[in-house]
Amino acid sequence: MSQVTVATTPARPERRRRLRWSTILIYAVLIIGAIIVLYPFLYMLMNSVKPGREILHSPTALPTEITLSGYTGVFERLNMALLFRNSLILAVSITVLNTLLSALAAYAIAKIPFPGRDYIFSAMLATMMIPGILFLIPTYVLMYNLGWVGEFHALIVPAAVTVFNIFLLRQFMAGIPNEVIEAGRLDGANELTIFLRVILPLARPALATVAILNFMASWNDFFGPLLYLNTPDKWTVQLGLMQFQSSVPGENAQQIWAATTLVTLPLVLLFFFLQDQFMKAFANVTFK
């Protein structure tokens, strides 16, 4: 039995060199992008542990002396526990309500056939083209007539449902096979059981993404609390940071950077622990 040998031609040096340079170029672009993204955080952390005089004279230089006086000054002059509690009440309430109600609406639009479903969804998407600032005065008048000005639910109730989150969840749920839902219906499960036991586990990446976006938006919201929360005992971290920044003298600038770091830290930790789900959601979104 004769043995056939196949001659393989070695890769050309020019092709190897071209691949090598393309790989180097890709990594160089990625490194530059990472530096651009990380620099603001490193700048903030660096100035939070520098003395105030160094921040005033050389804010971009590395610290010659490490001090935690900025963090101790923040806790001495600000009631951080109260500010964090108020912000968490708003952020967690809005995140839970918005994620659940948006998921219910998205499931109905994506998987439950009913007359006029597509027209309703199109009308909902059309509202995204209206600037939100146009609803500012009518919403405030409504909250004032309800007696909700100065209360947390003046911010929680209007943010309980958003069209963008419904759109994002609907696009993700549209990719879930209909056979899975039909199998549940044949087994006698009602729509609520299918939603809770089938849809929610499969849509976990999209739900995590919506939760991250909701938490970040409510945590970083400044104008809403400024408009509705008119007493210091209801202030959030953003309002407390604004008042603190206007009262800190220049020689204690490290306290401002320390307070900014403390306010930013929960968002960084939240995204760090849920980033995998965040990426999966956008990778599995279907447009149809």
Protein backbone atom coordinates (compact mmCIF):
# COMPACT_ATOMS: atom_id res chain seq x y z
CA MET A 1 0.00 0.00 0.00
CA SER A 2 1.63 3.16 -1.15
CA GLN A 3 1.78 6.13 1.19
CA VAL A 4 0.96 9.53 -0.24
CA THR A 5 2.80 12.48 1.17
CA VAL A 6 1.48 15.97 0.79
CA ALA A 7 4.02 18.73 0.63
CA THR A 8 3.14 21.77 2.64
CA THR A 9 4.49 25.12 1.70
CA PRO A 10 5.76 27.21 4.57
CA ALA A 11 4.03 30.49 5.26
CA ARG A 12 5.56 33.37 3.45
CA PRO A 13 7.69 35.70 5.56
CA GLU A 14 5.75 38.66 4.21
CA ARG A 15 2.45 37.20 5.42
CA ARG A 16 3.89 36.40 8.85
CA ARG A 17 5.23 39.92 9.13
CA ARG A 18 1.87 41.38 8.04
CA LEU A 19 0.01 39.31 10.63
CA ARG A 20 2.49 40.26 13.32
CA TRP A 21 2.17 43.98 12.60
CA SER A 22 -1.63 43.79 12.45
CA THR A 23 -1.69 42.07 15.85
CA ILE A 24 0.61 44.70 17.30
CA LEU A 25 -1.57 47.46 15.88
CA ILE A 26 -4.75 45.93 17.37
CA TYR A 27 -3.19 45.59 20.81
CA ALA A 28 -1.79 49.12 20.62
CA VAL A 29 -5.24 50.53 19.85
CA LEU A 30 -6.78 48.50 22.70
CA ILE A 31 -4.12 49.70 25.15
CA ILE A 32 -4.62 53.33 24.13
CA GLY A 33 -8.39 52.93 24.54
CA ALA A 34 -7.95 51.37 27.98
CA ILE A 35 -5.69 54.23 29.07
CA ILE A 36 -8.22 56.81 27.87
CA VAL A 37 -11.01 55.06 29.80
CA LEU A 38 -9.02 54.44 32.99
CA TYR A 39 -7.26 57.79 33.20
CA PRO A 40 -10.21 59.74 34.74
CA PHE A 41 -10.58 57.11 37.47
CA LEU A 42 -6.85 57.04 38.19
CA TYR A 43 -6.79 60.84 38.21
CA MET A 44 -9.65 60.90 40.71
CA LEU A 45 -8.05 58.29 42.98
CA MET A 46 -4.67 59.99 42.80
CA ASN A 47 -6.02 63.38 43.83
CA SER A 48 -8.12 61.87 46.62
CA VAL A 49 -4.94 60.82 48.48
CA LYS A 50 -2.87 63.94 47.74
CA PRO A 51 -2.60 66.96 50.05
CA GLY A 52 -4.65 69.95 48.97
CA ARG A 53 -1.60 72.10 48.23
CA GLU A 54 -0.28 69.53 45.74
CA ILE A 55 -3.65 69.37 43.98
CA LEU A 56 -3.66 73.16 43.54
CA HIS A 57 -0.09 73.38 42.24
CA SER A 58 0.32 70.11 40.30
CA PRO A 59 -2.98 68.26 39.86
CA THR A 60 -1.66 65.90 37.16
CA ALA A 61 1.57 64.92 38.93
CA LEU A 62 1.98 61.80 41.02
CA PRO A 63 1.59 62.39 44.77
CA THR A 64 4.76 62.95 46.77
CA GLU A 65 2.84 62.32 49.98
CA ILE A 66 -0.04 59.91 50.59
CA THR A 67 -2.73 61.14 52.99
CA LEU A 68 -6.23 59.99 53.90
CA SER A 69 -7.24 63.36 55.32
CA GLY A 70 -9.63 63.82 52.42
CA TYR A 71 -11.67 60.76 53.37
CA THR A 72 -11.67 61.56 57.07
CA GLY A 73 -12.72 65.14 56.29
CA VAL A 74 -15.63 63.90 54.18
CA PHE A 75 -17.04 61.77 56.99
CA GLU A 76 -16.52 64.59 59.49
CA ARG A 77 -18.36 67.20 57.43
CA LEU A 78 -20.93 65.09 55.57
CA ASN A 79 -23.50 62.61 56.79
CA MET A 80 -22.48 60.00 54.23
CA ALA A 81 -24.63 57.28 55.80
CA LEU A 82 -27.79 59.39 55.30
CA LEU A 83 -26.85 60.37 51.74
CA PHE A 84 -26.05 56.79 50.77
CA ARG A 85 -29.27 55.55 52.37
CA ASN A 86 -31.40 58.03 50.42
CA SER A 87 -29.64 57.26 47.15
CA LEU A 88 -29.96 53.52 47.72
CA ILE A 89 -33.67 53.84 48.48
CA LEU A 90 -34.21 55.62 45.17
CA ALA A 91 -31.81 53.52 43.10
CA VAL A 92 -32.95 50.12 44.38
CA SER A 93 -36.67 50.99 44.21
CA ILE A 94 -36.42 52.35 40.67
CA THR A 95 -34.21 49.46 39.54
CA VAL A 96 -36.52 46.74 40.87
CA LEU A 97 -39.77 48.36 39.68
CA ASN A 98 -38.47 49.38 36.27
CA THR A 99 -36.82 46.05 35.54
CA LEU A 100 -39.90 44.03 36.53
CA LEU A 101 -42.54 46.22 34.85
CA SER A 102 -40.46 46.70 31.70
CA ALA A 103 -39.95 42.93 31.48
CA LEU A 104 -43.70 42.32 31.81
CA ALA A 105 -44.46 44.81 29.04
CA ALA A 106 -41.69 43.43 26.83
CA TYR A 107 -42.95 39.86 27.24
CA ALA A 108 -46.49 40.87 26.31
CA ILE A 109 -45.31 42.69 23.19
CA ALA A 110 -42.81 40.02 22.13
CA LYS A 111 -44.62 36.76 22.85
CA ILE A 112 -48.36 37.29 23.43
CA PRO A 113 -50.31 37.83 20.18
CA PHE A 114 -53.12 40.36 20.48
CA PRO A 115 -54.73 42.79 18.03
CA GLY A 116 -52.78 45.99 17.43
CA ARG A 117 -49.63 44.77 19.15
CA ASP A 118 -47.24 46.14 16.52
CA TYR A 119 -49.04 49.49 16.38
CA ILE A 120 -48.82 49.87 20.16
CA PHE A 121 -45.11 49.07 20.09
CA SER A 122 -44.54 51.57 17.27
CA ALA A 123 -46.40 54.26 19.19
CA MET A 124 -44.27 53.55 22.26
CA LEU A 125 -41.08 53.88 20.22
CA ALA A 126 -42.35 57.15 18.75
CA THR A 127 -42.46 58.67 22.25
CA MET A 128 -38.68 58.24 22.47
CA MET A 129 -38.31 61.01 19.88
CA ILE A 130 -39.99 63.56 22.19
CA PRO A 131 -37.45 65.44 24.36
CA GLY A 132 -37.93 64.61 28.02
CA ILE A 133 -37.58 68.27 29.00
CA LEU A 134 -41.05 68.90 27.50
CA PHE A 135 -42.60 66.76 30.24
CA LEU A 136 -40.81 68.61 33.02
CA ILE A 137 -43.48 71.21 33.85
CA PRO A 138 -46.54 68.92 33.44
CA THR A 139 -44.88 66.26 35.60
CA TYR A 140 -43.99 68.75 38.31
CA VAL A 141 -47.52 70.19 38.32
CA LEU A 142 -48.93 66.68 38.63
CA MET A 143 -46.59 65.80 41.51
CA TYR A 144 -47.42 69.08 43.23
CA ASN A 145 -51.17 68.49 42.96
CA LEU A 146 -50.71 64.99 44.35
CA GLY A 147 -48.71 66.36 47.28
CA TRP A 148 -45.66 64.28 46.39
CA VAL A 149 -43.11 67.12 46.17
CA GLY A 150 -40.49 66.45 48.82
CA GLU A 151 -41.16 62.69 48.82
CA PHE A 152 -39.21 59.84 47.25
CA HIS A 153 -42.15 58.50 45.26
CA ALA A 154 -42.16 61.70 43.19
CA LEU A 155 -39.03 60.24 41.58
CA ILE A 156 -39.80 56.53 41.87
CA VAL A 157 -43.25 56.39 40.22
CA PRO A 158 -42.43 58.32 36.99
CA ALA A 159 -39.29 56.20 36.52
CA ALA A 160 -41.07 52.87 37.10
CA VAL A 161 -41.35 52.20 33.33
CA THR A 162 -39.19 53.46 30.46
CA VAL A 163 -39.72 52.78 26.77
CA PHE A 164 -36.03 52.19 26.06
CA ASN A 165 -35.85 49.35 28.58
CA ILE A 166 -39.03 47.82 27.17
CA PHE A 167 -37.48 48.01 23.71
CA LEU A 168 -34.22 46.40 24.87
CA LEU A 169 -35.95 43.57 26.70
CA ARG A 170 -38.41 43.02 23.87
CA GLN A 171 -35.60 42.64 21.35
CA PHE A 172 -33.89 40.10 23.60
CA MET A 173 -37.08 38.13 24.29
CA ALA A 174 -37.87 38.03 20.58
CA GLY A 175 -34.87 35.71 20.23
CA ILE A 176 -36.28 33.16 22.69
CA PRO A 177 -37.79 30.25 20.71
CA ASN A 178 -41.58 30.19 20.67
CA GLU A 179 -41.47 26.41 21.08
CA VAL A 180 -40.30 26.85 24.67
CA ILE A 181 -43.32 29.01 25.50
CA GLU A 182 -45.74 26.73 23.64
CA ALA A 183 -44.42 23.76 25.59
CA GLY A 184 -45.21 25.56 28.82
CA ARG A 185 -48.71 26.39 27.64
CA LEU A 186 -49.32 22.76 26.66
CA ASP A 187 -48.25 21.72 30.17
CA GLY A 188 -51.01 23.92 31.57
CA ALA A 189 -48.89 26.86 32.74
CA ASN A 190 -50.50 30.29 32.59
CA GLU A 191 -48.75 33.35 31.19
CA LEU A 192 -47.53 34.55 34.59
CA THR A 193 -45.96 31.16 35.37
CA ILE A 194 -44.27 31.08 31.97
CA PHE A 195 -42.99 34.58 32.52
CA LEU A 196 -41.57 33.84 35.97
CA ARG A 197 -40.19 30.35 35.39
CA VAL A 198 -39.24 30.37 31.71
CA ILE A 199 -38.74 33.89 30.40
CA LEU A 200 -36.97 35.51 33.35
CA PRO A 201 -34.24 32.83 33.67
CA LEU A 202 -33.58 32.91 29.92
CA ALA A 203 -33.56 36.73 29.85
CA ARG A 204 -31.16 37.08 32.78
CA PRO A 205 -28.42 38.91 30.77
CA ALA A 206 -30.91 41.48 29.47
CA LEU A 207 -32.42 41.93 32.93
CA ALA A 208 -28.96 42.50 34.40
CA THR A 209 -28.25 45.08 31.70
CA VAL A 210 -31.49 46.94 32.39
CA ALA A 211 -30.79 46.79 36.12
CA ILE A 212 -27.32 48.29 35.62
CA LEU A 213 -28.66 51.09 33.42
CA ASN A 214 -31.47 51.86 35.86
CA PHE A 215 -29.19 51.89 38.89
CA MET A 216 -26.63 54.10 37.19
CA ALA A 217 -29.25 56.55 35.95
CA SER A 218 -30.99 56.88 39.31
CA TRP A 219 -27.71 57.01 41.29
CA ASN A 220 -26.29 59.74 39.03
CA ASP A 221 -29.55 61.70 38.77
CA PHE A 222 -29.00 65.25 39.96
CA PHE A 223 -31.77 67.32 38.43
CA GLY A 224 -34.64 65.14 39.66
CA PRO A 225 -33.65 65.20 43.36
CA LEU A 226 -32.80 68.90 43.05
CA LEU A 227 -36.30 69.57 41.77
CA TYR A 228 -38.35 67.38 44.11
CA LEU A 229 -36.32 66.71 47.27
CA ASN A 230 -36.27 70.12 48.96
CA THR A 231 -35.21 69.10 52.49
CA PRO A 232 -31.64 68.11 53.55
CA ASP A 233 -32.83 64.90 55.21
CA LYS A 234 -33.97 63.65 51.76
CA TRP A 235 -30.84 64.68 49.83
CA THR A 236 -29.01 62.10 47.72
CA VAL A 237 -25.26 61.74 47.26
CA GLN A 238 -25.35 64.00 44.20
CA LEU A 239 -27.03 66.86 46.07
CA GLY A 240 -24.76 66.35 49.07
CA LEU A 241 -21.72 66.42 46.82
CA MET A 242 -22.85 69.70 45.23
CA GLN A 243 -23.38 71.37 48.61
CA PHE A 244 -20.10 69.96 49.90
CA GLN A 245 -18.14 71.16 46.88
CA SER A 246 -19.38 74.73 47.32
CA SER A 247 -18.35 74.81 50.99
CA VAL A 248 -14.86 73.25 50.87
CA PRO A 249 -11.94 75.73 50.72
CA GLY A 250 -9.24 75.29 48.11
CA GLU A 251 -6.60 74.05 50.53
CA ASN A 252 -8.87 71.08 51.34
CA ALA A 253 -9.47 70.11 47.72
CA GLN A 254 -8.58 66.49 48.50
CA GLN A 255 -11.90 66.22 50.35
CA ILE A 256 -13.82 66.96 47.14
CA TRP A 257 -11.92 64.26 45.28
CA ALA A 258 -12.42 61.82 48.14
CA ALA A 259 -16.17 62.48 48.16
CA THR A 260 -16.30 62.01 44.38
CA THR A 261 -14.47 58.70 44.72
CA LEU A 262 -16.90 57.46 47.37
CA VAL A 263 -19.90 58.42 45.21
CA THR A 264 -18.45 56.69 42.13
CA LEU A 265 -17.34 53.49 43.87
CA PRO A 266 -20.78 51.73 44.00
CA LEU A 267 -21.22 52.12 40.23
CA VAL A 268 -17.78 50.70 39.50
CA LEU A 269 -18.40 47.70 41.76
CA LEU A 270 -21.85 47.09 40.26
CA PHE A 271 -20.53 47.01 36.71
CA PHE A 272 -17.51 44.93 37.73
CA PHE A 273 -19.70 42.13 39.13
CA LEU A 274 -22.34 42.22 36.33
CA GLN A 275 -20.21 42.99 33.28
CA ASP A 276 -20.50 39.44 31.87
CA GLN A 277 -24.29 39.64 31.84
CA PHE A 278 -24.06 43.13 30.36
CA MET A 279 -22.00 41.88 27.39
CA LYS A 280 -24.20 38.81 26.83
CA ALA A 281 -27.34 40.94 26.60
CA PHE A 282 -26.09 43.10 23.73
CA ALA A 283 -24.53 40.08 22.01
CA ASN A 284 -27.89 38.25 21.94
CA VAL A 285 -30.19 41.13 20.99
CA THR A 286 -32.13 40.47 17.81
CA PHE A 287 -33.65 43.16 15.62
CA LYS A 288 -36.89 42.06 14.06
